[in-house]
Amino acid sequence: MNHSTYDPFKYNFERLEDVADRISEVLQCPITIEDVNHRLLAYSTHDDCTDPARISTIIGRRVPEKVINSLWKDGAIPQLLKTDEPLRVQHIDEVGLGNRVAISIWKNNEVLGFIWALEIQKQLSDADLLLLKKAAQAVKNKLLNLQVRKTKKEERNQEFFWKLLTGHITSDQEIAEGLQQLSLNFPSPFVVVIFKFNHEVKADTEKQLNYLLQTTQQVQVVMATVDFDEFIVLLSPKSDQPLRDIKLFASSTIHQLNERFMLHEVQASIGGIIQSPQHIEKSYKEALAVLSIKKRFPVETKELYSFSELGIYQYLDLLYDKRKTDGLLNYSLTQLKQYDAHHHTNLVETLEVFLDSDSNVLLAAKALNVHVNTLSYRLKRIAQIAELDMKNPNQKMSIYLDLKLDRMTL
């Protein structure tokens, strides 16, 4: 038989499942077909052998996240995203993955999906690998049809999402009709999360982000869209500790963007957790507020992601407007600023760092890079000059707020 011309997949298969069965029949091994985000599209039936990873994929209709992570660490997925040649993947016992041969399905310079052939009862020969390449061509035609339908649906979803984000849809009836038309179900609770980049989110970056969203099992992703340098996601937590779930998802996504795709300096912001689609606009505005505050106060808010964690920073804009309107000044802060100006000292900075450190002398001294005794002396001078009782929580909170409000004028 001339293996270079023989093509057992040239027939017109109606269903992708039929293609998977045909590949399995020809190669004599179990077959799974996935999209580029590792969602299960089809698998061969009547297999006498398999492995735990394949069973979990079939049950969950997608590859388990732990398996995907292992394949990234192993280098298999990065390699599949570079070549259209078959790749032999060695077993990874920790995640129940047996020996496999994988091949990516390409259209021009874009990967559409993957075929995985299990090597449990036999090892594929060179002739089998050539047939697997032909199988990838047969699968490509089916995936192109799926991709067209998927793109149109995503466009409708994004349009509906923007109407919710901007408050153009607010009534229960309008929202219900939109969900029905798009065959969507909003789990409760949910939240808006924004990933902000230092550059425009272009097509390649959007694909990488969607890949992470489709493969995560930490949260349920409902909708996503792009606004220049921001990637906006509506998602639902899965446990009874929603804020923890969302923060883990955000930090994990930033880590993977950095590690897998070399995308650095990405910020995440989390809006308020809500129960109704009517409040999506509110959650979105809160996520935007987090980004605004983090830009103004990058050091103080470095570890803060969510609106609920902002504390006093939630109210600074309101307080600032009131201070500006009323023309009120904090007497103690004014005294310290005048003293610093006349004596070329930095008592205002010392006080702010001390209060940022929760009045912990050791932490503040370390942050200021001074001896504890030096800081203790400065604090005494601050108390004298500002006529400030450093043991009075009301006075400390008042001047702390004014320190932050003063920074907003810079």
Protein backbone atom coordinates (compact mmCIF):
# COMPACT_ATOMS: atom_id res chain seq x y z
CA MET A 1 0.00 0.00 0.00
CA ASN A 2 1.26 3.47 -0.92
CA HIS A 3 0.90 5.32 2.40
CA SER A 4 1.61 8.71 0.80
CA THR A 5 -1.53 8.53 -1.40
CA TYR A 6 -3.82 6.33 0.74
CA ASP A 7 -6.40 8.47 2.54
CA PRO A 8 -9.07 6.62 4.55
CA PHE A 9 -10.60 9.95 5.66
CA LYS A 10 -11.49 11.41 2.27
CA TYR A 11 -15.14 10.46 2.66
CA ASN A 12 -17.76 13.05 3.67
CA PHE A 13 -18.58 12.40 7.31
CA GLU A 14 -21.76 14.01 8.61
CA ARG A 15 -20.72 14.24 12.25
CA LEU A 16 -17.43 14.88 14.01
CA GLU A 17 -18.12 11.76 16.10
CA ASP A 18 -18.06 9.73 12.89
CA VAL A 19 -14.62 11.14 12.05
CA ALA A 20 -13.35 10.20 15.54
CA ASP A 21 -14.66 6.65 15.13
CA ARG A 22 -13.03 6.36 11.70
CA ILE A 23 -9.65 7.56 13.00
CA SER A 24 -9.90 5.08 15.87
CA GLU A 25 -10.77 2.28 13.46
CA VAL A 26 -7.83 3.05 11.18
CA LEU A 27 -5.22 3.59 13.90
CA GLN A 28 -6.62 0.97 16.30
CA CYS A 29 -6.50 3.23 19.35
CA PRO A 30 -8.85 5.52 21.36
CA ILE A 31 -9.28 9.00 19.89
CA THR A 32 -10.43 12.32 21.34
CA ILE A 33 -10.90 15.58 19.43
CA GLU A 34 -10.74 18.92 21.25
CA ASP A 35 -11.04 22.57 20.30
CA VAL A 36 -8.12 24.92 20.90
CA ASN A 37 -9.38 25.58 24.47
CA HIS A 38 -9.42 21.84 25.28
CA ARG A 39 -13.18 21.51 25.18
CA LEU A 40 -14.16 17.99 24.13
CA LEU A 41 -15.76 17.98 20.68
CA ALA A 42 -15.87 14.26 19.91
CA TYR A 43 -14.43 10.92 21.00
CA SER A 44 -14.33 7.44 19.60
CA THR A 45 -16.76 4.88 21.01
CA HIS A 46 -16.47 1.22 22.02
CA ASP A 47 -12.91 1.56 23.29
CA ASP A 48 -11.54 -1.43 25.14
CA CYS A 49 -8.89 0.61 26.90
CA THR A 50 -8.45 4.15 28.16
CA ASP A 51 -6.87 6.07 31.06
CA PRO A 52 -8.18 8.25 33.92
CA ALA A 53 -7.41 11.53 32.12
CA ARG A 54 -9.51 10.51 29.10
CA ILE A 55 -12.37 9.31 31.30
CA SER A 56 -12.40 12.63 33.18
CA THR A 57 -12.34 14.53 29.90
CA ILE A 58 -15.33 12.64 28.55
CA ILE A 59 -17.33 13.01 31.77
CA GLY A 60 -16.56 16.72 32.19
CA ARG A 61 -16.66 17.48 28.44
CA ARG A 62 -13.29 19.19 28.75
CA VAL A 63 -9.73 18.33 29.73
CA PRO A 64 -9.23 18.67 33.52
CA GLU A 65 -7.30 21.79 34.47
CA LYS A 66 -4.62 19.80 36.31
CA VAL A 67 -3.93 17.83 33.11
CA ILE A 68 -3.66 21.03 31.05
CA ASN A 69 -1.25 22.55 33.58
CA SER A 70 0.90 19.40 33.48
CA LEU A 71 1.00 19.45 29.68
CA TRP A 72 2.11 23.09 29.74
CA LYS A 73 4.87 22.31 32.25
CA ASP A 74 5.86 19.24 30.24
CA GLY A 75 6.19 21.41 27.14
CA ALA A 76 3.63 19.46 25.11
CA ILE A 77 1.06 22.23 24.60
CA PRO A 78 3.64 24.93 23.73
CA GLN A 79 5.07 22.56 21.12
CA LEU A 80 1.63 21.76 19.69
CA LEU A 81 1.01 25.48 19.27
CA LYS A 82 4.14 25.72 17.10
CA THR A 83 3.98 22.72 14.76
CA ASP A 84 1.53 20.68 12.68
CA GLU A 85 3.63 17.54 13.07
CA PRO A 86 2.49 14.67 15.36
CA LEU A 87 3.95 14.92 18.86
CA ARG A 88 4.56 11.95 21.11
CA VAL A 89 3.58 12.77 24.72
CA GLN A 90 4.98 10.60 27.50
CA HIS A 91 2.79 9.47 30.37
CA ILE A 92 2.29 11.72 33.39
CA ASP A 93 1.17 9.38 36.16
CA GLU A 94 0.37 12.15 38.65
CA VAL A 95 -2.63 13.27 36.58
CA GLY A 96 -3.62 9.88 35.16
CA LEU A 97 -2.28 10.57 31.67
CA GLY A 98 -1.06 7.62 29.62
CA ASN A 99 1.21 7.67 26.57
CA ARG A 100 -0.27 9.61 23.68
CA VAL A 101 0.36 11.02 20.26
CA ALA A 102 -1.15 14.45 19.64
CA ILE A 103 -1.47 16.60 16.56
CA SER A 104 -2.76 20.14 16.25
CA ILE A 105 -5.26 21.13 13.58
CA TRP A 106 -4.34 24.29 11.68
CA LYS A 107 -5.92 26.82 9.38
CA ASN A 108 -3.22 29.12 8.01
CA ASN A 109 -1.36 30.30 11.14
CA GLU A 110 -4.12 29.51 13.63
CA VAL A 111 -4.64 26.38 15.70
CA LEU A 112 -8.27 25.22 15.65
CA GLY A 113 -7.97 22.17 17.89
CA PHE A 114 -6.22 18.90 18.64
CA ILE A 115 -6.49 15.16 18.03
CA TRP A 116 -5.22 12.85 20.78
CA ALA A 117 -4.49 9.18 20.12
CA LEU A 118 -3.83 6.94 23.13
CA GLU A 119 -0.92 4.54 22.86
CA ILE A 120 -2.03 2.02 25.45
CA GLN A 121 -2.18 -1.27 23.54
CA LYS A 122 0.02 -0.27 20.60
CA GLN A 123 2.59 2.32 19.61
CA LEU A 124 1.82 4.21 16.45
CA SER A 125 4.22 3.57 13.57
CA ASP A 126 5.60 6.12 11.14
CA ALA A 127 2.88 5.07 8.68
CA ASP A 128 0.26 5.64 11.41
CA LEU A 129 1.65 9.12 12.10
CA LEU A 130 1.30 9.96 8.41
CA LEU A 131 -2.33 8.84 8.55
CA LEU A 132 -2.85 10.97 11.66
CA LYS A 133 -1.74 14.03 9.66
CA LYS A 134 -4.37 13.19 7.04
CA ALA A 135 -6.95 12.76 9.78
CA ALA A 136 -6.13 16.30 10.98
CA GLN A 137 -7.05 17.61 7.53
CA ALA A 138 -10.39 15.81 7.64
CA VAL A 139 -11.16 17.22 11.09
CA LYS A 140 -10.17 20.74 10.00
CA ASN A 141 -13.14 21.07 7.67
CA LYS A 142 -15.55 20.20 10.49
CA LEU A 143 -13.88 22.62 12.91
CA LEU A 144 -14.07 25.48 10.41
CA ASN A 145 -17.86 25.13 10.33
CA LEU A 146 -17.98 25.07 14.12
CA GLN A 147 -15.76 28.15 14.32
CA VAL A 148 -18.05 30.23 12.07
CA ARG A 149 -21.08 29.46 14.24
CA LYS A 150 -19.09 30.10 17.42
CA THR A 151 -17.86 33.50 16.19
CA LYS A 152 -21.38 34.71 15.39
CA LYS A 153 -22.65 33.60 18.79
CA GLU A 154 -19.75 35.34 20.56
CA GLU A 155 -20.55 38.59 18.74
CA ARG A 156 -24.17 38.45 19.92
CA ASN A 157 -23.05 37.65 23.47
CA GLN A 158 -20.63 40.57 23.56
CA GLU A 159 -23.25 43.01 22.30
CA PHE A 160 -25.65 41.89 25.05
CA PHE A 161 -22.86 42.08 27.63
CA TRP A 162 -22.04 45.69 26.70
CA LYS A 163 -25.70 46.64 27.06
CA LEU A 164 -25.62 45.24 30.60
CA LEU A 165 -22.28 46.90 31.45
CA THR A 166 -23.46 50.33 30.29
CA GLY A 167 -26.96 50.12 31.79
CA HIS A 168 -28.80 50.11 28.45
CA ILE A 169 -30.73 47.05 29.61
CA THR A 170 -32.11 47.24 33.16
CA SER A 171 -35.59 45.74 33.31
CA ASP A 172 -36.14 42.11 34.30
CA GLN A 173 -38.15 41.52 31.13
CA GLU A 174 -35.45 42.85 28.77
CA ILE A 175 -32.75 40.85 30.53
CA ALA A 176 -34.85 37.67 30.52
CA GLU A 177 -35.60 38.05 26.79
CA GLY A 178 -31.93 38.61 26.01
CA LEU A 179 -30.86 35.57 28.00
CA GLN A 180 -33.47 33.43 26.27
CA GLN A 181 -32.45 34.57 22.79
CA LEU A 182 -28.80 33.76 23.51
CA SER A 183 -29.58 30.52 25.41
CA LEU A 184 -27.66 31.86 28.41
CA ASN A 185 -28.09 31.13 32.09
CA PHE A 186 -26.72 33.52 34.70
CA PRO A 187 -25.66 31.63 37.84
CA SER A 188 -25.82 33.56 41.09
CA PRO A 189 -23.85 35.24 42.54
CA PHE A 190 -21.60 36.82 39.92
CA VAL A 191 -19.11 39.65 39.57
CA VAL A 192 -17.32 41.78 36.98
CA VAL A 193 -13.53 41.40 36.83
CA ILE A 194 -11.24 43.59 34.72
CA PHE A 195 -7.74 42.68 33.58
CA LYS A 196 -5.91 45.86 32.59
CA PHE A 197 -2.86 45.76 30.32
CA ASN A 198 -0.22 48.38 29.55
CA HIS A 199 -1.05 48.06 25.85
CA GLU A 200 -4.04 47.49 23.59
CA VAL A 201 -5.55 44.01 23.83
CA LYS A 202 -5.17 42.76 20.28
CA ALA A 203 -6.43 39.56 18.68
CA ASP A 204 -3.53 37.33 19.81
CA THR A 205 -3.77 38.48 23.42
CA GLU A 206 -7.55 38.09 23.40
CA LYS A 207 -7.16 34.48 22.22
CA GLN A 208 -4.68 33.77 25.00
CA LEU A 209 -7.05 35.26 27.57
CA ASN A 210 -10.00 33.29 26.23
CA TYR A 211 -7.86 30.17 26.40
CA LEU A 212 -7.27 30.72 30.12
CA LEU A 213 -10.97 31.45 30.69
CA GLN A 214 -12.08 28.32 28.87
CA THR A 215 -9.62 26.06 30.68
CA THR A 216 -10.08 27.35 34.24
CA GLN A 217 -12.15 25.33 36.66
CA GLN A 218 -11.81 27.76 39.57
CA VAL A 219 -14.83 29.82 38.54
CA GLN A 220 -17.59 29.75 35.93
CA VAL A 221 -17.03 32.29 33.16
CA VAL A 222 -20.30 33.71 31.82
CA MET A 223 -19.26 36.46 29.38
CA ALA A 224 -16.19 38.39 28.29
CA THR A 225 -15.33 41.36 26.07
CA VAL A 226 -12.49 43.78 25.28
CA ASP A 227 -12.30 47.56 25.72
CA PHE A 228 -8.96 48.74 24.27
CA ASP A 229 -6.48 47.86 27.07
CA GLU A 230 -9.04 46.16 29.33
CA PHE A 231 -10.37 42.61 29.22
CA ILE A 232 -13.74 42.53 31.02
CA VAL A 233 -15.15 39.29 32.40
CA LEU A 234 -18.44 38.36 34.04
CA LEU A 235 -17.97 35.27 36.16
CA SER A 236 -19.55 33.29 38.95
CA PRO A 237 -17.70 31.72 41.91
CA LYS A 238 -18.27 28.06 42.68
CA SER A 239 -17.96 27.82 46.47
CA ASP A 240 -19.45 29.48 49.53
CA GLN A 241 -16.36 31.71 49.72
CA PRO A 242 -16.90 33.74 46.54
CA LEU A 243 -14.36 36.50 47.16
CA ARG A 244 -11.63 33.95 47.84
CA ASP A 245 -12.49 32.07 44.61
CA ILE A 246 -12.42 35.22 42.51
CA LYS A 247 -9.15 36.50 44.00
CA LEU A 248 -7.49 33.12 43.41
CA PHE A 249 -8.76 33.14 39.83
CA ALA A 250 -7.46 36.69 39.25
CA SER A 251 -4.00 36.02 40.68
CA SER A 252 -3.76 32.66 38.88
CA THR A 253 -4.70 34.27 35.56
CA ILE A 254 -2.08 37.01 35.98
CA HIS A 255 0.54 34.37 36.87
CA GLN A 256 -0.30 32.24 33.82
CA LEU A 257 -0.32 35.25 31.47
CA ASN A 258 3.17 36.00 32.71
CA GLU A 259 4.51 32.44 32.72
CA ARG A 260 2.92 31.03 29.55
CA PHE A 261 2.51 34.04 27.27
CA MET A 262 5.12 36.53 28.54
CA LEU A 263 2.45 39.16 29.23
CA HIS A 264 3.69 41.27 32.13
CA GLU A 265 2.42 44.15 34.27
CA VAL A 266 -1.22 43.06 34.13
CA GLN A 267 -3.52 44.42 36.84
CA ALA A 268 -6.74 42.82 38.05
CA SER A 269 -9.70 44.60 39.63
CA ILE A 270 -12.83 43.02 41.08
CA GLY A 271 -16.19 44.76 41.38
CA GLY A 272 -18.85 44.04 43.96
CA ILE A 273 -20.37 40.57 44.16
CA ILE A 274 -23.98 40.80 42.98
CA GLN A 275 -27.08 38.61 42.84
CA SER A 276 -29.01 40.12 39.90
CA PRO A 277 -28.07 40.94 36.28
CA GLN A 278 -29.60 44.37 36.88
CA HIS A 279 -26.56 45.26 39.00
CA ILE A 280 -23.89 44.29 36.46
CA GLU A 281 -23.34 47.98 35.62
CA LYS A 282 -22.74 48.71 39.32
CA SER A 283 -20.19 45.90 39.65
CA TYR A 284 -18.45 47.13 36.49
CA LYS A 285 -18.21 50.70 37.81
CA GLU A 286 -16.79 49.40 41.08
CA ALA A 287 -14.13 47.42 39.20
CA LEU A 288 -13.23 50.60 37.28
CA ALA A 289 -13.05 52.48 40.60
CA VAL A 290 -10.53 49.92 41.89
CA LEU A 291 -8.29 50.57 38.87
CA SER A 292 -8.56 54.32 39.39
CA ILE A 293 -7.62 54.07 43.07
CA LYS A 294 -4.72 51.68 42.35
CA LYS A 295 -3.37 54.19 39.83
CA ARG A 296 -3.50 57.02 42.39
CA PHE A 297 -2.16 54.98 45.30
CA PRO A 298 -0.04 52.20 43.75
CA VAL A 299 2.01 51.43 46.87
CA GLU A 300 -0.81 51.34 49.42
CA THR A 301 -3.15 49.31 47.19
CA LYS A 302 -0.59 46.96 45.63
CA GLU A 303 -2.13 43.89 47.29
CA LEU A 304 -5.76 45.00 46.90
CA TYR A 305 -7.87 43.58 44.07
CA SER A 306 -11.51 43.99 45.02
CA PHE A 307 -13.81 46.92 45.71
CA SER A 308 -14.79 45.43 49.06
CA GLU A 309 -11.13 45.53 50.19
CA LEU A 310 -10.58 49.21 49.42
CA GLY A 311 -11.80 50.40 52.82
CA ILE A 312 -11.44 54.17 53.11
CA TYR A 313 -10.30 54.43 49.49
CA GLN A 314 -13.91 53.79 48.43
CA TYR A 315 -14.89 57.18 49.85
CA LEU A 316 -11.93 59.41 48.98
CA ASP A 317 -13.60 61.00 45.94
CA LEU A 318 -16.64 61.99 48.00
CA LEU A 319 -14.52 63.34 50.84
CA TYR A 320 -12.25 65.17 48.42
CA ASP A 321 -15.19 66.94 46.78
CA LYS A 322 -16.52 67.96 50.20
CA ARG A 323 -13.12 69.25 51.34
CA LYS A 324 -12.78 71.19 48.10
CA THR A 325 -16.29 72.65 48.35
CA ASP A 326 -16.09 73.56 52.04
CA GLY A 327 -12.46 74.69 51.96
CA LEU A 328 -11.70 72.79 55.16
CA LEU A 329 -8.12 72.18 56.26
CA ASN A 330 -6.75 69.72 58.78
CA TYR A 331 -4.99 71.83 61.43
CA SER A 332 -2.51 69.14 62.48
CA LEU A 333 -1.50 68.33 58.89
CA THR A 334 -1.12 72.03 58.09
CA GLN A 335 1.24 72.47 61.05
CA LEU A 336 3.39 69.54 59.95
CA LYS A 337 3.60 70.71 56.34
CA GLN A 338 4.66 74.21 57.45
CA TYR A 339 7.31 72.74 59.75
CA ASP A 340 8.68 70.51 56.97
CA ALA A 341 8.84 73.49 54.60
CA HIS A 342 10.71 75.69 57.07
CA HIS A 343 13.10 73.06 58.44
CA HIS A 344 13.55 70.80 55.38
CA THR A 345 12.33 67.76 57.29
CA ASN A 346 9.99 64.94 56.24
CA LEU A 347 7.65 64.56 59.20
CA VAL A 348 4.56 64.31 56.97
CA GLU A 349 6.06 61.32 55.13
CA THR A 350 7.09 59.76 58.45
CA LEU A 351 3.57 60.05 59.83
CA GLU A 352 1.98 58.61 56.68
CA VAL A 353 4.32 55.60 56.61
CA PHE A 354 3.73 55.03 60.32
CA LEU A 355 -0.05 55.04 59.86
CA ASP A 356 0.24 52.88 56.70
CA SER A 357 2.10 50.40 58.88
CA ASP A 358 -0.85 50.18 61.28
CA SER A 359 1.11 52.19 63.87
CA ASN A 360 3.71 49.43 64.08
CA VAL A 361 7.01 51.10 64.94
CA LEU A 362 9.17 48.20 63.75
CA LEU A 363 7.48 47.95 60.36
CA ALA A 364 7.48 51.70 59.86
CA ALA A 365 11.17 52.02 60.80
CA LYS A 366 12.02 49.32 58.28
CA ALA A 367 9.96 51.02 55.55
CA LEU A 368 11.64 54.37 56.27
CA ASN A 369 15.06 52.74 56.61
CA VAL A 370 15.73 54.39 59.95
CA HIS A 371 16.50 53.11 63.47
CA VAL A 372 13.56 52.49 65.78
CA ASN A 373 14.86 55.11 68.22
CA THR A 374 15.05 57.68 65.41
CA LEU A 375 11.44 56.97 64.47
CA SER A 376 10.31 57.18 68.10
CA TYR A 377 11.91 60.62 68.39
CA ARG A 378 10.23 61.78 65.17
CA LEU A 379 6.83 60.59 66.39
CA LYS A 380 7.23 62.60 69.58
CA ARG A 381 8.08 65.71 67.55
CA ILE A 382 5.06 65.05 65.30
CA ALA A 383 2.77 64.82 68.31
CA GLN A 384 4.16 68.13 69.69
CA ILE A 385 4.16 70.12 66.45
CA ALA A 386 0.79 68.86 65.20
CA GLU A 387 -0.78 68.87 68.67
CA LEU A 388 -1.85 65.34 67.85
CA ASP A 389 -2.73 62.59 70.32
CA MET A 390 -1.18 59.53 68.70
CA LYS A 391 -3.18 57.23 70.99
CA ASN A 392 -6.51 58.72 69.95
CA PRO A 393 -7.94 56.55 67.10
CA ASN A 394 -10.31 59.31 65.98
CA GLN A 395 -7.50 61.84 65.57
CA LYS A 396 -5.28 59.30 63.83
CA MET A 397 -8.04 58.31 61.41
CA SER A 398 -8.85 61.93 60.67
CA ILE A 399 -5.30 62.92 59.78
CA TYR A 400 -4.80 59.64 57.89
CA LEU A 401 -7.74 60.47 55.64
CA ASP A 402 -6.45 63.99 55.08
CA LEU A 403 -3.01 62.63 54.21
CA LYS A 404 -4.58 60.55 51.44
CA LEU A 405 -6.86 63.40 50.30
CA ASP A 406 -3.84 65.67 50.14
CA ARG A 407 -2.19 63.20 47.76
CA MET A 408 -5.16 63.46 45.38
CA THR A 409 -4.28 67.08 44.65
CA LEU A 410 -0.77 66.18 43.48
